[in-house]
Amino acid sequence: MIKENIIITSTVHNKPITADIRYISTQEKKPLILFVHGFKGFKDWGVFNLMADKFAIKGFIFMKINLSHNGTTANQLIDFADLEAFGNNNFTIELDDLKDTIDYLFSTSTSIPVDELDFNNINLMGHSRGGGLILLKAREDKRIKNVITLAAISDLTNRWPQSFLDEWRAKGVQYIENKRTNQQMPLYVQLYDDVLNNLDRLSIPKAVKELKQPLLAFHGTEDETLPVAMGYQLKEWKPETELVIFENENHVFGAAHPWKEPDLPENFQKIVEKSALFLEKK
């Protein structure tokens, strides 16, 4: 199996997008899955490497990225070493990062040989906030063939109570605790301003209703972060969505960080199997 780490230059925001690519070389064109982590997430979290290997074995090119402002750095891929970048992140920056990444795949500088990549079969997969992000990007990028969401957020524009917004505006910053690392992670009010200034572009309900690509959505009934109702909303807005609901499952489908087991949790394995079938028949 080929495993390659790369850095993609952000053309707008002057920070690197770190990525890794996994596939088995066959000199035959293969579909590619581009995976996007969620809020306070990163590409090497928990089971994501194991998941990437599973997809590669099934004949896919699997690429996952650290968004440029997710708080990690090129030298510290699993640590939030750049909290200023994290605090200055917003949804427009993340959409720009996805454009840069997709552009990279179609550029002459891509490291994937042309006889390995099917340029007509580029697919997006995202977890949590990353799931919402890829729904927005798929609407505006015709190069994307299919979309797969894992416990996706269904609305970016109505996430915060008014008291939180008032305090945010007054202070200019709110701090979110990372319970895993005990870090107080800043969110500068520019994140909210970005939403206000881009209400149409950042409307997930509108994006899903207008989405041309096939959509496969996974959600757990015991999701403690984004309620399962959000999964049903995607189905409501796009009735042909293939919605898979896991009973008694949480936001990360039984995974954790770090993940020390030799195989995926049961429902993550089902995600791989169902996703592969979904992409193969499209």
C-alpha atoms as a PDB file:
ATOM      1  CA  MET A   1       0.000   0.000   0.000  1.00  0.00           C
ATOM      2  CA  ILE A   2       1.245   3.466  -0.887  1.00  0.00           C
ATOM      3  CA  LYS A   3       1.047   5.915   2.023  1.00  0.00           C
ATOM      4  CA  GLU A   4       2.133   9.447   1.254  1.00  0.00           C
ATOM      5  CA  ASN A   5       2.150  12.616   3.346  1.00  0.00           C
ATOM      6  CA  ILE A   6       1.894  15.901   1.465  1.00  0.00           C
ATOM      7  CA  ILE A   7       1.460  19.610   2.080  1.00  0.00           C
ATOM      8  CA  ILE A   8      -0.885  21.663  -0.071  1.00  0.00           C
ATOM      9  CA  THR A   9      -0.356  25.400  -0.185  1.00  0.00           C
ATOM     10  CA  SER A  10      -3.369  27.482   0.752  1.00  0.00           C
ATOM     11  CA  THR A  11      -3.627  29.998  -2.074  1.00  0.00           C
ATOM     12  CA  VAL A  12      -5.608  32.524  -0.045  1.00  0.00           C
ATOM     13  CA  HIS A  13      -4.776  32.131   3.633  1.00  0.00           C
ATOM     14  CA  ASN A  14      -1.029  31.448   3.690  1.00  0.00           C
ATOM     15  CA  LYS A  15      -1.177  28.366   5.889  1.00  0.00           C
ATOM     16  CA  PRO A  16      -0.436  24.777   4.877  1.00  0.00           C
ATOM     17  CA  ILE A  17      -3.092  22.133   4.394  1.00  0.00           C
ATOM     18  CA  THR A  18      -1.489  18.898   5.547  1.00  0.00           C
ATOM     19  CA  ALA A  19      -2.773  15.724   3.946  1.00  0.00           C
ATOM     20  CA  ASP A  20      -2.112  12.039   3.511  1.00  0.00           C
ATOM     21  CA  ILE A  21      -3.029   9.735   0.653  1.00  0.00           C
ATOM     22  CA  ARG A  22      -3.401   5.947   0.759  1.00  0.00           C
ATOM     23  CA  TYR A  23      -4.012   3.507  -2.080  1.00  0.00           C
ATOM     24  CA  ILE A  24      -2.845   0.254  -3.587  1.00  0.00           C
ATOM     25  CA  SER A  25      -1.076   0.852  -6.887  1.00  0.00           C
ATOM     26  CA  THR A  26      -2.649  -1.083  -9.750  1.00  0.00           C
ATOM     27  CA  GLN A  27      -2.062   1.250 -12.720  1.00  0.00           C
ATOM     28  CA  GLU A  28      -5.855   1.320 -13.035  1.00  0.00           C
ATOM     29  CA  LYS A  29      -7.984   4.400 -12.426  1.00  0.00           C
ATOM     30  CA  LYS A  30      -9.630   4.409  -9.010  1.00  0.00           C
ATOM     31  CA  PRO A  31     -12.264   6.580  -7.323  1.00  0.00           C
ATOM     32  CA  LEU A  32     -10.979   8.978  -4.681  1.00  0.00           C
ATOM     33  CA  ILE A  33     -12.544   9.768  -1.313  1.00  0.00           C
ATOM     34  CA  LEU A  34     -11.546  13.110   0.223  1.00  0.00           C
ATOM     35  CA  PHE A  35     -12.221  13.066   3.983  1.00  0.00           C
ATOM     36  CA  VAL A  36     -12.724  16.142   6.166  1.00  0.00           C
ATOM     37  CA  HIS A  37     -12.534  16.108   9.967  1.00  0.00           C
ATOM     38  CA  GLY A  38     -14.887  17.989  12.268  1.00  0.00           C
ATOM     39  CA  PHE A  39     -14.647  20.732  14.896  1.00  0.00           C
ATOM     40  CA  LYS A  40     -11.693  20.158  17.238  1.00  0.00           C
ATOM     41  CA  GLY A  41     -10.787  17.280  14.930  1.00  0.00           C
ATOM     42  CA  PHE A  42      -7.780  16.341  12.816  1.00  0.00           C
ATOM     43  CA  LYS A  43      -7.016  13.878  10.065  1.00  0.00           C
ATOM     44  CA  ASP A  44      -5.180  11.349  12.272  1.00  0.00           C
ATOM     45  CA  TRP A  45      -7.801  11.239  15.033  1.00  0.00           C
ATOM     46  CA  GLY A  46      -8.737   7.878  16.501  1.00  0.00           C
ATOM     47  CA  VAL A  47      -9.782   5.395  13.819  1.00  0.00           C
ATOM     48  CA  PHE A  48      -9.312   7.603  10.754  1.00  0.00           C
ATOM     49  CA  ASN A  49      -6.034   5.982   9.653  1.00  0.00           C
ATOM     50  CA  LEU A  50      -7.500   2.530  10.053  1.00  0.00           C
ATOM     51  CA  MET A  51     -10.573   3.597   8.098  1.00  0.00           C
ATOM     52  CA  ALA A  52      -8.338   4.969   5.336  1.00  0.00           C
ATOM     53  CA  ASP A  53      -6.530   1.644   5.065  1.00  0.00           C
ATOM     54  CA  LYS A  54      -9.836  -0.229   4.807  1.00  0.00           C
ATOM     55  CA  PHE A  55     -10.975   1.932   1.920  1.00  0.00           C
ATOM     56  CA  ALA A  56      -7.607   1.568   0.172  1.00  0.00           C
ATOM     57  CA  ILE A  57      -7.881  -2.214   0.394  1.00  0.00           C
ATOM     58  CA  LYS A  58     -11.314  -1.945  -1.220  1.00  0.00           C
ATOM     59  CA  GLY A  59      -9.836  -0.206  -4.248  1.00  0.00           C
ATOM     60  CA  PHE A  60     -10.220   3.465  -3.398  1.00  0.00           C
ATOM     61  CA  ILE A  61      -7.715   6.274  -3.116  1.00  0.00           C
ATOM     62  CA  PHE A  62      -8.357   7.724   0.337  1.00  0.00           C
ATOM     63  CA  MET A  63      -7.149  11.239   1.063  1.00  0.00           C
ATOM     64  CA  LYS A  64      -7.680  13.086   4.328  1.00  0.00           C
ATOM     65  CA  ILE A  65      -6.663  16.584   5.273  1.00  0.00           C
ATOM     66  CA  ASN A  66      -6.036  18.861   8.197  1.00  0.00           C
ATOM     67  CA  LEU A  67      -7.828  22.082   7.360  1.00  0.00           C
ATOM     68  CA  SER A  68      -5.368  24.970   7.359  1.00  0.00           C
ATOM     69  CA  HIS A  69      -6.736  26.636  10.507  1.00  0.00           C
ATOM     70  CA  ASN A  70      -7.739  23.582  12.555  1.00  0.00           C
ATOM     71  CA  GLY A  71      -5.012  24.329  15.115  1.00  0.00           C
ATOM     72  CA  THR A  72      -2.505  21.635  14.155  1.00  0.00           C
ATOM     73  CA  THR A  73       0.730  22.394  12.338  1.00  0.00           C
ATOM     74  CA  ALA A  74       2.840  20.629   9.738  1.00  0.00           C
ATOM     75  CA  ASN A  75       5.191  19.521  12.539  1.00  0.00           C
ATOM     76  CA  GLN A  76       2.496  18.701  15.127  1.00  0.00           C
ATOM     77  CA  LEU A  77      -0.236  16.867  13.271  1.00  0.00           C
ATOM     78  CA  ILE A  78      -2.199  15.630  16.287  1.00  0.00           C
ATOM     79  CA  ASP A  79      -1.671  18.521  18.714  1.00  0.00           C
ATOM     80  CA  PHE A  80      -3.461  21.860  18.824  1.00  0.00           C
ATOM     81  CA  ALA A  81      -0.226  23.824  18.761  1.00  0.00           C
ATOM     82  CA  ASP A  82      -1.590  26.903  16.967  1.00  0.00           C
ATOM     83  CA  LEU A  83      -4.584  28.141  18.915  1.00  0.00           C
ATOM     84  CA  GLU A  84      -4.479  31.522  17.180  1.00  0.00           C
ATOM     85  CA  ALA A  85      -5.098  29.806  13.871  1.00  0.00           C
ATOM     86  CA  PHE A  86      -7.921  27.820  15.468  1.00  0.00           C
ATOM     87  CA  GLY A  87      -9.478  31.004  16.830  1.00  0.00           C
ATOM     88  CA  ASN A  88      -9.260  32.728  13.470  1.00  0.00           C
ATOM     89  CA  ASN A  89     -10.772  29.847  11.533  1.00  0.00           C
ATOM     90  CA  ASN A  90     -14.136  30.224   9.823  1.00  0.00           C
ATOM     91  CA  PHE A  91     -16.341  28.396   7.349  1.00  0.00           C
ATOM     92  CA  THR A  92     -15.261  30.480   4.360  1.00  0.00           C
ATOM     93  CA  ILE A  93     -11.616  29.609   5.051  1.00  0.00           C
ATOM     94  CA  GLU A  94     -12.546  25.927   5.227  1.00  0.00           C
ATOM     95  CA  LEU A  95     -14.414  26.093   1.919  1.00  0.00           C
ATOM     96  CA  ASP A  96     -11.336  27.733   0.400  1.00  0.00           C
ATOM     97  CA  ASP A  97      -9.209  24.902   1.808  1.00  0.00           C
ATOM     98  CA  LEU A  98     -11.429  22.337   0.115  1.00  0.00           C
ATOM     99  CA  LYS A  99     -11.199  24.182  -3.185  1.00  0.00           C
ATOM    100  CA  ASP A 100      -7.399  24.258  -2.908  1.00  0.00           C
ATOM    101  CA  THR A 101      -7.338  20.540  -2.144  1.00  0.00           C
ATOM    102  CA  ILE A 102      -9.607  19.608  -5.039  1.00  0.00           C
ATOM    103  CA  ASP A 103      -7.654  21.914  -7.354  1.00  0.00           C
ATOM    104  CA  TYR A 104      -4.484  20.121  -6.260  1.00  0.00           C
ATOM    105  CA  LEU A 105      -5.900  16.797  -7.430  1.00  0.00           C
ATOM    106  CA  PHE A 106      -6.470  18.234 -10.901  1.00  0.00           C
ATOM    107  CA  SER A 107      -3.138  20.086 -11.060  1.00  0.00           C
ATOM    108  CA  THR A 108       0.164  19.039 -12.588  1.00  0.00           C
ATOM    109  CA  SER A 109       1.720  19.060  -9.110  1.00  0.00           C
ATOM    110  CA  THR A 110      -0.446  16.235  -7.761  1.00  0.00           C
ATOM    111  CA  SER A 111       1.533  13.261  -6.526  1.00  0.00           C
ATOM    112  CA  ILE A 112      -1.114  10.738  -7.604  1.00  0.00           C
ATOM    113  CA  PRO A 113      -0.211   9.194 -10.990  1.00  0.00           C
ATOM    114  CA  VAL A 114      -2.743   9.919 -13.736  1.00  0.00           C
ATOM    115  CA  ASP A 115      -3.155   6.195 -14.401  1.00  0.00           C
ATOM    116  CA  GLU A 116      -4.263   5.645 -10.777  1.00  0.00           C
ATOM    117  CA  LEU A 117      -6.871   8.412 -10.318  1.00  0.00           C
ATOM    118  CA  ASP A 118     -10.293   8.544 -11.927  1.00  0.00           C
ATOM    119  CA  PHE A 119     -10.780  12.305 -12.262  1.00  0.00           C
ATOM    120  CA  ASN A 120     -14.482  11.757 -12.918  1.00  0.00           C
ATOM    121  CA  ASN A 121     -14.955  10.004  -9.588  1.00  0.00           C
ATOM    122  CA  ILE A 122     -13.976  12.446  -6.831  1.00  0.00           C
ATOM    123  CA  ASN A 123     -16.106  11.979  -3.700  1.00  0.00           C
ATOM    124  CA  LEU A 124     -16.395  13.879  -0.423  1.00  0.00           C
ATOM    125  CA  MET A 125     -16.756  12.376   3.050  1.00  0.00           C
ATOM    126  CA  GLY A 126     -16.926  14.409   6.252  1.00  0.00           C
ATOM    127  CA  HIS A 127     -17.560  13.969   9.963  1.00  0.00           C
ATOM    128  CA  SER A 128     -19.594  16.350  12.134  1.00  0.00           C
ATOM    129  CA  ARG A 129     -18.851  19.949  11.089  1.00  0.00           C
ATOM    130  CA  GLY A 130     -16.803  18.493   8.261  1.00  0.00           C
ATOM    131  CA  GLY A 131     -19.985  16.789   7.082  1.00  0.00           C
ATOM    132  CA  GLY A 132     -21.765  20.112   6.885  1.00  0.00           C
ATOM    133  CA  LEU A 133     -18.793  21.631   5.118  1.00  0.00           C
ATOM    134  CA  ILE A 134     -18.732  19.043   2.343  1.00  0.00           C
ATOM    135  CA  LEU A 135     -22.457  19.524   1.729  1.00  0.00           C
ATOM    136  CA  LEU A 136     -21.765  23.206   1.104  1.00  0.00           C
ATOM    137  CA  LYS A 137     -18.773  22.482  -1.111  1.00  0.00           C
ATOM    138  CA  ALA A 138     -20.519  19.830  -3.191  1.00  0.00           C
ATOM    139  CA  ARG A 139     -23.262  22.280  -4.094  1.00  0.00           C
ATOM    140  CA  GLU A 140     -20.716  24.703  -5.550  1.00  0.00           C
ATOM    141  CA  ASP A 141     -18.221  22.276  -7.125  1.00  0.00           C
ATOM    142  CA  LYS A 142     -19.400  20.167 -10.039  1.00  0.00           C
ATOM    143  CA  ARG A 143     -16.245  18.043  -9.905  1.00  0.00           C
ATOM    144  CA  ILE A 144     -17.689  16.168  -6.910  1.00  0.00           C
ATOM    145  CA  LYS A 145     -19.562  12.976  -7.800  1.00  0.00           C
ATOM    146  CA  ASN A 146     -20.937  11.718  -4.443  1.00  0.00           C
ATOM    147  CA  VAL A 147     -21.206  12.899  -0.840  1.00  0.00           C
ATOM    148  CA  ILE A 148     -21.044  10.855   2.386  1.00  0.00           C
ATOM    149  CA  THR A 149     -21.674  12.418   5.802  1.00  0.00           C
ATOM    150  CA  LEU A 150     -20.929  10.980   9.240  1.00  0.00           C
ATOM    151  CA  ALA A 151     -22.987  12.601  12.014  1.00  0.00           C
ATOM    152  CA  ALA A 152     -23.146  15.826  10.023  1.00  0.00           C
ATOM    153  CA  ILE A 153     -24.267  19.183  11.336  1.00  0.00           C
ATOM    154  CA  SER A 154     -27.365  20.369   9.480  1.00  0.00           C
ATOM    155  CA  ASP A 155     -27.212  24.107  10.200  1.00  0.00           C
ATOM    156  CA  LEU A 156     -24.298  26.495  10.707  1.00  0.00           C
ATOM    157  CA  THR A 157     -26.332  29.675  10.982  1.00  0.00           C
ATOM    158  CA  ASN A 158     -28.395  29.017  14.125  1.00  0.00           C
ATOM    159  CA  ARG A 159     -25.934  27.293  16.423  1.00  0.00           C
ATOM    160  CA  TRP A 160     -25.583  29.741  19.313  1.00  0.00           C
ATOM    161  CA  PRO A 161     -28.061  31.152  21.877  1.00  0.00           C
ATOM    162  CA  GLN A 162     -28.488  34.911  21.932  1.00  0.00           C
ATOM    163  CA  SER A 163     -26.820  35.271  25.345  1.00  0.00           C
ATOM    164  CA  PHE A 164     -23.721  33.557  23.959  1.00  0.00           C
ATOM    165  CA  LEU A 165     -23.757  35.840  20.902  1.00  0.00           C
ATOM    166  CA  ASP A 166     -24.135  38.990  23.004  1.00  0.00           C
ATOM    167  CA  GLU A 167     -21.219  38.024  25.225  1.00  0.00           C
ATOM    168  CA  TRP A 168     -19.175  36.998  22.197  1.00  0.00           C
ATOM    169  CA  ARG A 169     -19.707  40.395  20.586  1.00  0.00           C
ATOM    170  CA  ALA A 170     -18.883  42.237  23.785  1.00  0.00           C
ATOM    171  CA  LYS A 171     -15.690  40.293  24.535  1.00  0.00           C
ATOM    172  CA  GLY A 172     -14.595  39.583  20.965  1.00  0.00           C
ATOM    173  CA  VAL A 173     -13.788  35.989  21.906  1.00  0.00           C
ATOM    174  CA  GLN A 174     -15.335  32.923  23.497  1.00  0.00           C
ATOM    175  CA  TYR A 175     -13.346  29.963  24.834  1.00  0.00           C
ATOM    176  CA  ILE A 176     -14.341  26.352  24.236  1.00  0.00           C
ATOM    177  CA  GLU A 177     -12.845  23.677  26.468  1.00  0.00           C
ATOM    178  CA  ASN A 178     -11.209  20.695  24.827  1.00  0.00           C
ATOM    179  CA  LYS A 179     -11.933  18.030  27.424  1.00  0.00           C
ATOM    180  CA  ARG A 180      -9.378  15.653  25.927  1.00  0.00           C
ATOM    181  CA  THR A 181      -6.465  18.105  26.150  1.00  0.00           C
ATOM    182  CA  ASN A 182      -7.809  20.503  28.822  1.00  0.00           C
ATOM    183  CA  GLN A 183      -7.055  23.406  26.491  1.00  0.00           C
ATOM    184  CA  GLN A 184      -9.189  26.528  26.403  1.00  0.00           C
ATOM    185  CA  MET A 185      -9.591  27.038  22.660  1.00  0.00           C
ATOM    186  CA  PRO A 186     -10.455  30.539  21.440  1.00  0.00           C
ATOM    187  CA  LEU A 187     -13.188  31.365  18.969  1.00  0.00           C
ATOM    188  CA  TYR A 188     -12.933  34.964  17.825  1.00  0.00           C
ATOM    189  CA  VAL A 189     -16.137  36.747  16.899  1.00  0.00           C
ATOM    190  CA  GLN A 190     -15.006  36.884  13.270  1.00  0.00           C
ATOM    191  CA  LEU A 191     -16.405  33.335  12.994  1.00  0.00           C
ATOM    192  CA  TYR A 192     -19.893  34.647  13.679  1.00  0.00           C
ATOM    193  CA  ASP A 193     -19.352  37.621  11.385  1.00  0.00           C
ATOM    194  CA  ASP A 194     -18.348  35.222   8.626  1.00  0.00           C
ATOM    195  CA  VAL A 195     -21.706  33.491   9.015  1.00  0.00           C
ATOM    196  CA  LEU A 196     -23.618  36.793   8.975  1.00  0.00           C
ATOM    197  CA  ASN A 197     -21.756  37.964   5.892  1.00  0.00           C
ATOM    198  CA  ASN A 198     -22.304  34.698   3.976  1.00  0.00           C
ATOM    199  CA  LEU A 199     -25.762  33.526   4.990  1.00  0.00           C
ATOM    200  CA  ASP A 200     -26.654  32.188   1.553  1.00  0.00           C
ATOM    201  CA  ARG A 201     -23.373  30.408   0.877  1.00  0.00           C
ATOM    202  CA  LEU A 202     -23.277  28.875   4.368  1.00  0.00           C
ATOM    203  CA  SER A 203     -26.876  27.645   4.421  1.00  0.00           C
ATOM    204  CA  ILE A 204     -26.717  23.852   4.713  1.00  0.00           C
ATOM    205  CA  PRO A 205     -30.511  23.464   4.324  1.00  0.00           C
ATOM    206  CA  LYS A 206     -30.368  25.317   1.007  1.00  0.00           C
ATOM    207  CA  ALA A 207     -27.273  23.409  -0.095  1.00  0.00           C
ATOM    208  CA  VAL A 208     -28.897  20.028   0.576  1.00  0.00           C
ATOM    209  CA  LYS A 209     -32.110  21.011  -1.202  1.00  0.00           C
ATOM    210  CA  GLU A 210     -30.075  22.071  -4.244  1.00  0.00           C
ATOM    211  CA  LEU A 211     -27.553  19.217  -4.070  1.00  0.00           C
ATOM    212  CA  LYS A 212     -27.232  17.398  -7.398  1.00  0.00           C
ATOM    213  CA  GLN A 213     -24.945  14.619  -6.192  1.00  0.00           C
ATOM    214  CA  PRO A 214     -26.154  11.407  -4.484  1.00  0.00           C
ATOM    215  CA  LEU A 215     -25.965  11.612  -0.693  1.00  0.00           C
ATOM    216  CA  LEU A 216     -25.341   8.883   1.887  1.00  0.00           C
ATOM    217  CA  ALA A 217     -25.768  10.015   5.502  1.00  0.00           C
ATOM    218  CA  PHE A 218     -24.929   8.174   8.740  1.00  0.00           C
ATOM    219  CA  HIS A 219     -26.100   9.193  12.211  1.00  0.00           C
ATOM    220  CA  GLY A 220     -26.463   7.635  15.657  1.00  0.00           C
ATOM    221  CA  THR A 221     -29.577   7.809  17.820  1.00  0.00           C
ATOM    222  CA  GLU A 222     -27.524   8.638  20.919  1.00  0.00           C
ATOM    223  CA  ASP A 223     -25.402  11.361  19.319  1.00  0.00           C
ATOM    224  CA  GLU A 224     -24.548  13.605  22.253  1.00  0.00           C
ATOM    225  CA  THR A 225     -23.148  16.425  20.095  1.00  0.00           C
ATOM    226  CA  LEU A 226     -25.430  16.719  17.065  1.00  0.00           C
ATOM    227  CA  PRO A 227     -28.843  15.100  17.632  1.00  0.00           C
ATOM    228  CA  VAL A 228     -30.094  12.409  15.281  1.00  0.00           C
ATOM    229  CA  ALA A 229     -32.823  14.830  14.190  1.00  0.00           C
ATOM    230  CA  MET A 230     -30.144  16.476  12.052  1.00  0.00           C
ATOM    231  CA  GLY A 231     -29.764  13.276  10.055  1.00  0.00           C
ATOM    232  CA  TYR A 232     -33.503  13.144   9.463  1.00  0.00           C
ATOM    233  CA  GLN A 233     -33.408  16.776   8.333  1.00  0.00           C
ATOM    234  CA  LEU A 234     -31.003  15.883   5.527  1.00  0.00           C
ATOM    235  CA  LYS A 235     -33.445  13.210   4.375  1.00  0.00           C
ATOM    236  CA  GLU A 236     -36.336  15.667   4.554  1.00  0.00           C
ATOM    237  CA  TRP A 237     -34.502  18.259   2.452  1.00  0.00           C
ATOM    238  CA  LYS A 238     -33.247  15.687  -0.057  1.00  0.00           C
ATOM    239  CA  PRO A 239     -35.693  12.744  -0.003  1.00  0.00           C
ATOM    240  CA  GLU A 240     -33.524  10.489  -2.179  1.00  0.00           C
ATOM    241  CA  THR A 241     -30.793  10.579   0.487  1.00  0.00           C
ATOM    242  CA  GLU A 242     -29.708   7.143   1.692  1.00  0.00           C
ATOM    243  CA  LEU A 243     -29.981   7.614   5.454  1.00  0.00           C
ATOM    244  CA  VAL A 244     -28.451   5.020   7.791  1.00  0.00           C
ATOM    245  CA  ILE A 245     -29.394   5.331  11.463  1.00  0.00           C
ATOM    246  CA  PHE A 246     -27.415   3.359  14.043  1.00  0.00           C
ATOM    247  CA  GLU A 247     -29.398   2.593  17.175  1.00  0.00           C
ATOM    248  CA  ASN A 248     -27.756   3.442  20.524  1.00  0.00           C
ATOM    249  CA  GLU A 249     -24.707   4.938  18.791  1.00  0.00           C
ATOM    250  CA  ASN A 250     -22.837   8.112  19.723  1.00  0.00           C
ATOM    251  CA  HIS A 251     -21.289  10.991  17.766  1.00  0.00           C
ATOM    252  CA  VAL A 252     -18.115   9.078  16.876  1.00  0.00           C
ATOM    253  CA  PHE A 253     -19.777   5.708  16.227  1.00  0.00           C
ATOM    254  CA  GLY A 254     -18.022   3.946  19.087  1.00  0.00           C
ATOM    255  CA  ALA A 255     -14.525   5.232  18.300  1.00  0.00           C
ATOM    256  CA  ALA A 256     -12.159   7.178  20.557  1.00  0.00           C
ATOM    257  CA  HIS A 257      -8.791   8.897  20.519  1.00  0.00           C
ATOM    258  CA  PRO A 258      -6.375   7.300  20.790  1.00  0.00           C
ATOM    259  CA  TRP A 259      -7.673   4.062  19.267  1.00  0.00           C
ATOM    260  CA  LYS A 260      -5.574   1.061  20.260  1.00  0.00           C
ATOM    261  CA  GLU A 261      -7.681  -1.796  18.931  1.00  0.00           C
ATOM    262  CA  PRO A 262      -6.554  -3.681  15.778  1.00  0.00           C
ATOM    263  CA  ASP A 263      -9.857  -3.178  13.975  1.00  0.00           C
ATOM    264  CA  LEU A 264     -12.616  -0.624  13.593  1.00  0.00           C
ATOM    265  CA  PRO A 265     -15.627  -0.489  15.913  1.00  0.00           C
ATOM    266  CA  GLU A 266     -18.523  -2.501  14.526  1.00  0.00           C
ATOM    267  CA  ASN A 267     -20.512   0.428  13.198  1.00  0.00           C
ATOM    268  CA  PHE A 268     -17.455   2.103  11.699  1.00  0.00           C
ATOM    269  CA  GLN A 269     -16.839  -1.123   9.798  1.00  0.00           C
ATOM    270  CA  LYS A 270     -20.436  -0.918   8.579  1.00  0.00           C
ATOM    271  CA  ILE A 271     -19.786   2.656   7.474  1.00  0.00           C
ATOM    272  CA  VAL A 272     -16.894   1.452   5.323  1.00  0.00           C
ATOM    273  CA  GLU A 273     -18.894  -1.414   3.846  1.00  0.00           C
ATOM    274  CA  LYS A 274     -22.020   0.621   3.105  1.00  0.00           C
ATOM    275  CA  SER A 275     -20.004   3.543   1.739  1.00  0.00           C
ATOM    276  CA  ALA A 276     -18.042   1.312  -0.617  1.00  0.00           C
ATOM    277  CA  LEU A 277     -21.255  -0.209  -1.969  1.00  0.00           C
ATOM    278  CA  PHE A 278     -22.816   3.238  -2.315  1.00  0.00           C
ATOM    279  CA  LEU A 279     -19.875   4.547  -4.340  1.00  0.00           C
ATOM    280  CA  GLU A 280     -19.514   1.437  -6.456  1.00  0.00           C
ATOM    281  CA  LYS A 281     -23.106   1.545  -7.699  1.00  0.00           C
ATOM    282  CA  LYS A 282     -23.135   5.239  -8.552  1.00  0.00           C
END
